[in-house]
Amino acid sequence: MDRTSDGRPIRMLTIVDEYTRECLAIDVAKKLTSEDVLERLSDLFVRRGVPEHIRSDNGSEFTASCVREWLGRVGVKTLYIEPGSPWENGYVESFNGKLRDELLAREVFDTLLEAKVLMSGVV
């Protein structure tokens, strides 16, 4: 479910390590911005080290010039998948599908806070 029980939308930023296939983060919000992406990535880079590259879809929160410029400054290459080509980001798509099937399709979130708390238990 990508909405609360009263119909308010919920967005999720899931970050999966391609090598270990470990889910590194799930951020839940009403809206996700490039600033949210930068905050999460900078936190992960400090805790886990700077990766050689990141792969993402072409969402505006990832393609924003501030995100591209920041990644360039810290030496991270960007690999954007082609629109409509989810197989190019298979590990994240697989994780998101399992998350959807095993939790989101079975759970009704009454509030955004409830969704955040439940997602924090997944990581």
Protein backbone atom coordinates (compact mmCIF):
# COMPACT_ATOMS: atom_id res chain seq x y z
CA MET A 1 0.00 0.00 0.00
CA ASP A 2 1.40 3.36 -0.92
CA ARG A 3 -1.25 5.31 0.93
CA THR A 4 -2.49 5.71 4.47
CA SER A 5 -5.93 4.38 5.32
CA ASP A 6 -7.42 7.83 4.65
CA GLY A 7 -5.87 7.98 1.17
CA ARG A 8 -2.85 10.21 1.82
CA PRO A 9 0.10 9.15 -0.37
CA ILE A 10 3.29 7.69 1.08
CA ARG A 11 6.62 7.67 -0.75
CA MET A 12 9.52 5.36 0.03
CA LEU A 13 13.20 5.69 -0.75
CA THR A 14 14.78 2.23 -0.65
CA ILE A 15 18.54 1.86 -0.93
CA VAL A 16 19.96 -1.60 -1.60
CA ASP A 17 23.65 -2.54 -1.85
CA GLU A 18 24.10 -4.29 -5.21
CA TYR A 19 27.02 -6.37 -3.96
CA THR A 20 25.63 -7.64 -0.64
CA ARG A 21 21.95 -7.18 -1.61
CA GLU A 22 21.44 -5.72 1.85
CA CYS A 23 18.79 -3.07 2.33
CA LEU A 24 20.73 -0.11 3.68
CA ALA A 25 17.83 2.28 4.20
CA ILE A 26 14.12 2.80 3.76
CA ASP A 27 12.96 6.37 4.19
CA VAL A 28 9.23 7.02 4.35
CA ALA A 29 7.69 10.45 3.74
CA LYS A 30 4.74 12.22 2.17
CA LYS A 31 7.14 13.57 -0.43
CA LEU A 32 10.80 12.83 -1.17
CA THR A 33 13.07 15.57 -2.46
CA SER A 34 16.63 15.79 -3.69
CA GLU A 35 17.55 17.13 -0.23
CA ASP A 36 16.15 13.94 1.33
CA VAL A 37 18.26 11.85 -1.07
CA LEU A 38 21.38 13.89 -0.25
CA GLU A 39 20.78 13.57 3.47
CA ARG A 40 20.37 9.79 3.30
CA LEU A 41 23.31 9.26 0.93
CA SER A 42 25.66 11.45 2.96
CA ASP A 43 24.71 9.52 6.11
CA LEU A 44 25.35 6.19 4.38
CA PHE A 45 28.65 7.38 2.88
CA VAL A 46 29.88 8.44 6.33
CA ARG A 47 28.84 5.16 7.95
CA ARG A 48 29.73 2.72 5.15
CA GLY A 49 32.19 4.52 2.90
CA VAL A 50 31.83 6.16 -0.48
CA PRO A 51 30.85 3.71 -3.22
CA GLU A 52 32.29 3.67 -6.72
CA HIS A 53 28.84 4.23 -8.22
CA ILE A 54 25.14 4.33 -7.46
CA ARG A 55 22.38 3.07 -9.72
CA SER A 56 18.97 4.71 -9.65
CA ASP A 57 15.90 5.43 -11.66
CA ASN A 58 15.42 8.78 -13.34
CA GLY A 59 13.22 10.28 -10.66
CA SER A 60 13.60 14.01 -10.20
CA GLU A 61 14.96 13.50 -6.68
CA PHE A 62 17.93 11.59 -8.17
CA THR A 63 18.52 13.58 -11.35
CA ALA A 64 18.43 17.00 -9.68
CA SER A 65 21.53 19.01 -10.47
CA CYS A 66 22.39 19.38 -6.76
CA VAL A 67 22.47 15.56 -6.36
CA ARG A 68 24.52 15.01 -9.54
CA GLU A 69 26.95 17.78 -8.59
CA TRP A 70 27.38 16.51 -5.02
CA LEU A 71 27.97 12.94 -6.20
CA GLY A 72 30.55 14.25 -8.68
CA ARG A 73 32.35 16.18 -5.94
CA VAL A 74 32.61 13.08 -3.74
CA GLY A 75 33.72 10.94 -6.70
CA VAL A 76 30.67 8.72 -7.16
CA LYS A 77 29.63 7.75 -10.69
CA THR A 78 25.92 7.69 -11.49
CA LEU A 79 24.26 4.90 -13.42
CA TYR A 80 20.70 5.83 -14.34
CA ILE A 81 18.42 3.11 -15.64
CA GLU A 82 16.48 3.70 -18.83
CA PRO A 83 12.86 4.73 -18.23
CA GLY A 84 10.59 1.69 -18.40
CA SER A 85 13.53 -0.72 -17.89
CA PRO A 86 13.23 -1.97 -14.30
CA TRP A 87 15.41 -5.00 -15.07
CA GLU A 88 18.39 -2.65 -15.20
CA ASN A 89 17.95 -2.13 -11.46
CA GLY A 90 17.05 -5.72 -10.66
CA TYR A 91 18.17 -5.95 -7.03
CA VAL A 92 16.16 -2.91 -5.95
CA GLU A 93 13.17 -3.96 -8.05
CA SER A 94 13.29 -7.46 -6.54
CA PHE A 95 13.54 -6.04 -3.03
CA ASN A 96 10.69 -3.59 -3.64
CA GLY A 97 8.52 -6.40 -5.06
CA LYS A 98 9.10 -8.58 -2.01
CA LEU A 99 8.49 -5.62 0.29
CA ARG A 100 5.24 -4.92 -1.54
CA ASP A 101 4.08 -8.57 -1.46
CA GLU A 102 5.14 -9.41 2.07
CA LEU A 103 4.32 -6.19 3.89
CA LEU A 104 2.75 -3.35 1.94
CA ALA A 105 -0.05 -5.40 0.35
CA ARG A 106 -0.96 -6.87 3.75
CA GLU A 107 -0.68 -3.81 5.95
CA VAL A 108 -2.91 -0.76 6.22
CA PHE A 109 -1.07 2.23 7.62
CA ASP A 110 -3.26 4.63 9.56
CA THR A 111 -0.58 7.31 9.75
CA LEU A 112 2.73 8.24 8.19
CA LEU A 113 4.39 7.68 11.58
CA GLU A 114 3.06 4.11 11.69
CA ALA A 115 4.54 3.44 8.24
CA LYS A 116 7.90 4.90 9.33
CA VAL A 117 7.98 2.75 12.47
CA LEU A 118 7.12 -0.44 10.59
CA MET A 119 9.64 0.27 7.82
CA SER A 120 12.38 0.93 10.40
CA GLY A 121 11.97 -2.69 11.48
CA VAL A 122 12.69 -3.92 7.92
CA VAL A 123 16.18 -2.41 7.73
